[in-house]
Amino acid sequence: MSIIQIRDGRTGEHLKKIRFEDVEKYHSGEFLMAIAVGYLSMQAGIEALAEGEILDRKDISVLSGHGGPGFRDAIEYVTRAQTRGALTIDVDYPVAQYDPHRAQSYAFVLTLKNGASVEVSLKEEFLPLEFYDLLKKGREGTRTEADELRLDQLKKELCDRALSMPREDLLQVKRLA
């Protein structure tokens, strides 16, 4: 798997090479699908904005259509946007609204200080209806132990699938500005 290269430090003097495994260690491990899709989304957005250069973390702001902890951890680990106050969560973002039970976007907008911006969205067919139904049961407090085990298994399967499939089959990248 490829890595994300990004600069950090007051003057961008530190080159960070971030792998999915680094984000996985940072995260609790409960939301594997989200950290995989979040990591790959950050990678795709950064590569599209960088145009062959290495970006500086402090120049990137992120709008996330999903406020869940897995996505937040992937965004934070790669960009430190939450720590820097450069992360906005908007579950009503009008792109990639696939959950039939609630507003929740699977889209991310990365914007540079110079105004360049890209939208990275998960393709609709990636997450099965069963996934959304199990999440709904959890919000309602009706998820059984069998449901919990199935959701854990599904998250792991989706994580592995996301990491192994061609990026163009998983994500759509669109330049906004």
Protein backbone atom coordinates (compact mmCIF):
# COMPACT_ATOMS: atom_id res chain seq x y z
CA MET A 1 0.00 0.00 0.00
CA SER A 2 1.22 3.46 -0.76
CA ILE A 3 1.90 6.10 1.83
CA ILE A 4 0.82 9.67 2.42
CA GLN A 5 3.71 12.13 2.48
CA ILE A 6 3.06 15.41 4.22
CA ARG A 7 5.14 18.18 5.73
CA ASP A 8 4.80 19.32 9.32
CA GLY A 9 6.48 21.77 11.66
CA ARG A 10 6.63 25.53 11.83
CA THR A 11 8.35 25.77 8.45
CA GLY A 12 7.43 22.37 7.04
CA GLU A 13 10.80 21.01 8.04
CA HIS A 14 9.51 17.56 9.04
CA LEU A 15 8.55 15.07 6.34
CA LYS A 16 5.94 12.60 7.61
CA LYS A 17 5.36 9.29 5.84
CA ILE A 18 2.00 7.97 7.00
CA ARG A 19 0.80 4.44 6.35
CA PHE A 20 -2.63 2.99 7.02
CA GLU A 21 -1.07 0.90 9.79
CA ASP A 22 -0.05 4.13 11.59
CA VAL A 23 -3.63 5.38 11.60
CA GLU A 24 -4.85 1.95 12.70
CA LYS A 25 -2.48 2.06 15.72
CA TYR A 26 -3.68 5.57 16.60
CA HIS A 27 -7.34 4.54 16.41
CA SER A 28 -9.07 2.25 18.93
CA GLY A 29 -9.71 -0.40 16.26
CA GLU A 30 -13.48 -0.33 16.59
CA PHE A 31 -14.28 1.54 13.37
CA LEU A 32 -12.03 -0.21 10.86
CA MET A 33 -14.09 0.53 7.75
CA ALA A 34 -14.15 4.23 8.61
CA ILE A 35 -10.43 4.55 9.22
CA ALA A 36 -9.69 2.71 5.96
CA VAL A 37 -12.06 4.86 3.88
CA GLY A 38 -10.98 7.99 5.76
CA TYR A 39 -7.29 7.26 5.19
CA LEU A 40 -7.81 6.49 1.51
CA SER A 41 -9.95 9.62 1.10
CA MET A 42 -7.24 11.80 2.66
CA GLN A 43 -4.64 10.14 0.46
CA ALA A 44 -6.69 10.71 -2.70
CA GLY A 45 -7.48 14.32 -1.82
CA ILE A 46 -3.91 15.20 -0.86
CA GLU A 47 -2.51 13.61 -4.01
CA ALA A 48 -5.01 15.50 -6.17
CA LEU A 49 -4.16 18.82 -4.51
CA ALA A 50 -0.40 18.26 -4.32
CA GLU A 51 0.14 17.82 -8.06
CA GLY A 52 3.48 16.08 -7.44
CA GLU A 53 4.58 18.30 -4.54
CA ILE A 54 4.45 17.49 -0.83
CA LEU A 55 1.85 19.54 1.02
CA ASP A 56 2.20 21.12 4.44
CA ARG A 57 -0.40 20.03 7.01
CA LYS A 58 -1.04 23.57 8.15
CA ASP A 59 -2.22 24.53 4.65
CA ILE A 60 -5.07 21.96 4.59
CA SER A 61 -8.59 22.38 5.93
CA VAL A 62 -11.16 19.59 5.78
CA LEU A 63 -14.93 19.51 5.59
CA SER A 64 -16.18 16.06 6.53
CA GLY A 65 -19.71 14.90 5.82
CA HIS A 66 -19.30 12.22 8.48
CA GLY A 67 -18.67 12.95 12.14
CA GLY A 68 -17.92 9.42 13.30
CA PRO A 69 -14.79 8.65 15.33
CA GLY A 70 -13.12 6.49 12.68
CA PHE A 71 -13.31 9.18 10.03
CA ARG A 72 -12.29 11.89 12.52
CA ASP A 73 -9.27 9.86 13.65
CA ALA A 74 -8.09 9.27 10.06
CA ILE A 75 -8.49 12.96 9.19
CA GLU A 76 -6.80 14.08 12.40
CA TYR A 77 -3.86 11.71 12.14
CA VAL A 78 -3.11 12.71 8.57
CA THR A 79 -3.86 16.45 8.64
CA ARG A 80 -4.18 17.48 12.33
CA ALA A 81 -7.16 19.52 11.09
CA GLN A 82 -9.19 18.99 14.26
CA THR A 83 -6.32 20.08 16.52
CA ARG A 84 -5.71 23.15 14.34
CA GLY A 85 -9.40 24.11 14.23
CA ALA A 86 -9.46 23.41 10.49
CA LEU A 87 -12.03 20.57 10.53
CA THR A 88 -15.72 21.20 9.86
CA ILE A 89 -18.33 18.45 10.20
CA ASP A 90 -21.46 18.80 8.05
CA VAL A 91 -23.56 15.63 7.97
CA ASP A 92 -25.98 17.43 5.64
CA TYR A 93 -23.32 17.92 2.94
CA PRO A 94 -25.34 17.11 -0.19
CA VAL A 95 -22.96 14.57 -1.77
CA ALA A 96 -22.74 10.83 -0.98
CA GLN A 97 -25.85 10.73 1.24
CA TYR A 98 -26.36 6.97 1.17
CA ASP A 99 -27.65 6.09 4.65
CA PRO A 100 -31.42 5.52 4.29
CA HIS A 101 -32.00 6.13 8.01
CA ARG A 102 -30.33 9.52 8.65
CA ALA A 103 -28.40 12.40 7.17
CA GLN A 104 -24.78 11.33 6.84
CA SER A 105 -22.47 12.18 3.99
CA TYR A 106 -19.58 10.01 2.91
CA ALA A 107 -17.81 12.95 1.25
CA PHE A 108 -14.78 14.98 2.26
CA VAL A 109 -13.64 18.35 0.92
CA LEU A 110 -9.98 19.23 1.28
CA THR A 111 -9.07 22.86 0.72
CA LEU A 112 -5.68 24.53 0.61
CA LYS A 113 -4.93 28.04 1.85
CA ASN A 114 -4.58 29.13 -1.78
CA GLY A 115 -8.22 28.13 -2.42
CA ALA A 116 -7.58 24.93 -4.37
CA SER A 117 -10.18 22.38 -3.33
CA VAL A 118 -11.14 18.77 -4.05
CA GLU A 119 -14.12 16.67 -3.06
CA VAL A 120 -13.54 12.99 -2.36
CA SER A 121 -16.64 10.84 -2.04
CA LEU A 122 -17.24 7.18 -1.38
CA LYS A 123 -19.00 5.39 -4.20
CA GLU A 124 -22.56 4.36 -3.41
CA GLU A 125 -22.26 0.63 -3.98
CA PHE A 126 -19.47 0.12 -1.41
CA LEU A 127 -21.54 -0.01 1.79
CA PRO A 128 -24.35 -2.61 1.90
CA LEU A 129 -27.81 -1.85 3.33
CA GLU A 130 -27.06 -4.32 6.13
CA PHE A 131 -24.36 -1.94 7.40
CA TYR A 132 -26.77 0.99 7.70
CA ASP A 133 -29.43 -1.23 9.30
CA LEU A 134 -27.00 -2.45 11.96
CA LEU A 135 -25.93 1.12 12.74
CA LYS A 136 -29.58 2.13 13.10
CA LYS A 137 -30.19 -0.72 15.53
CA GLY A 138 -27.28 0.54 17.60
CA ARG A 139 -28.71 4.08 17.76
CA GLU A 140 -32.06 2.61 18.81
CA GLY A 141 -30.49 0.33 21.40
CA THR A 142 -31.91 -2.80 19.76
CA ARG A 143 -28.71 -4.40 18.47
CA THR A 144 -28.31 -7.96 19.80
CA GLU A 145 -25.02 -9.67 20.62
CA ALA A 146 -25.30 -11.52 17.29
CA ASP A 147 -25.78 -8.15 15.58
CA GLU A 148 -22.70 -6.76 17.38
CA LEU A 149 -20.60 -9.69 16.19
CA ARG A 150 -21.90 -9.33 12.64
CA LEU A 151 -21.19 -5.59 12.62
CA ASP A 152 -17.63 -6.18 13.85
CA GLN A 153 -17.14 -8.79 11.12
CA LEU A 154 -18.66 -6.50 8.48
CA LYS A 155 -16.45 -3.56 9.48
CA LYS A 156 -13.35 -5.75 9.16
CA GLU A 157 -14.47 -7.16 5.80
CA LEU A 158 -15.20 -3.65 4.47
CA CYS A 159 -11.85 -2.39 5.76
CA ASP A 160 -9.98 -5.19 4.00
CA ARG A 161 -12.03 -4.68 0.83
CA ALA A 162 -11.41 -0.91 0.77
CA LEU A 163 -7.66 -1.38 1.23
CA SER A 164 -7.41 -4.01 -1.50
CA MET A 165 -9.58 -2.54 -4.24
CA PRO A 166 -8.50 -0.04 -6.90
CA ARG A 167 -9.05 3.49 -5.61
CA GLU A 168 -11.14 4.48 -8.64
CA ASP A 169 -13.61 1.70 -7.77
CA LEU A 170 -13.94 3.00 -4.19
CA LEU A 171 -13.74 6.79 -4.43
CA GLN A 172 -14.64 9.62 -6.74
CA VAL A 173 -12.31 12.64 -6.74
CA LYS A 174 -13.61 15.92 -8.10
CA ARG A 175 -11.72 19.22 -8.31
CA LEU A 176 -13.91 22.05 -6.97
CA ALA A 177 -11.72 25.13 -7.31
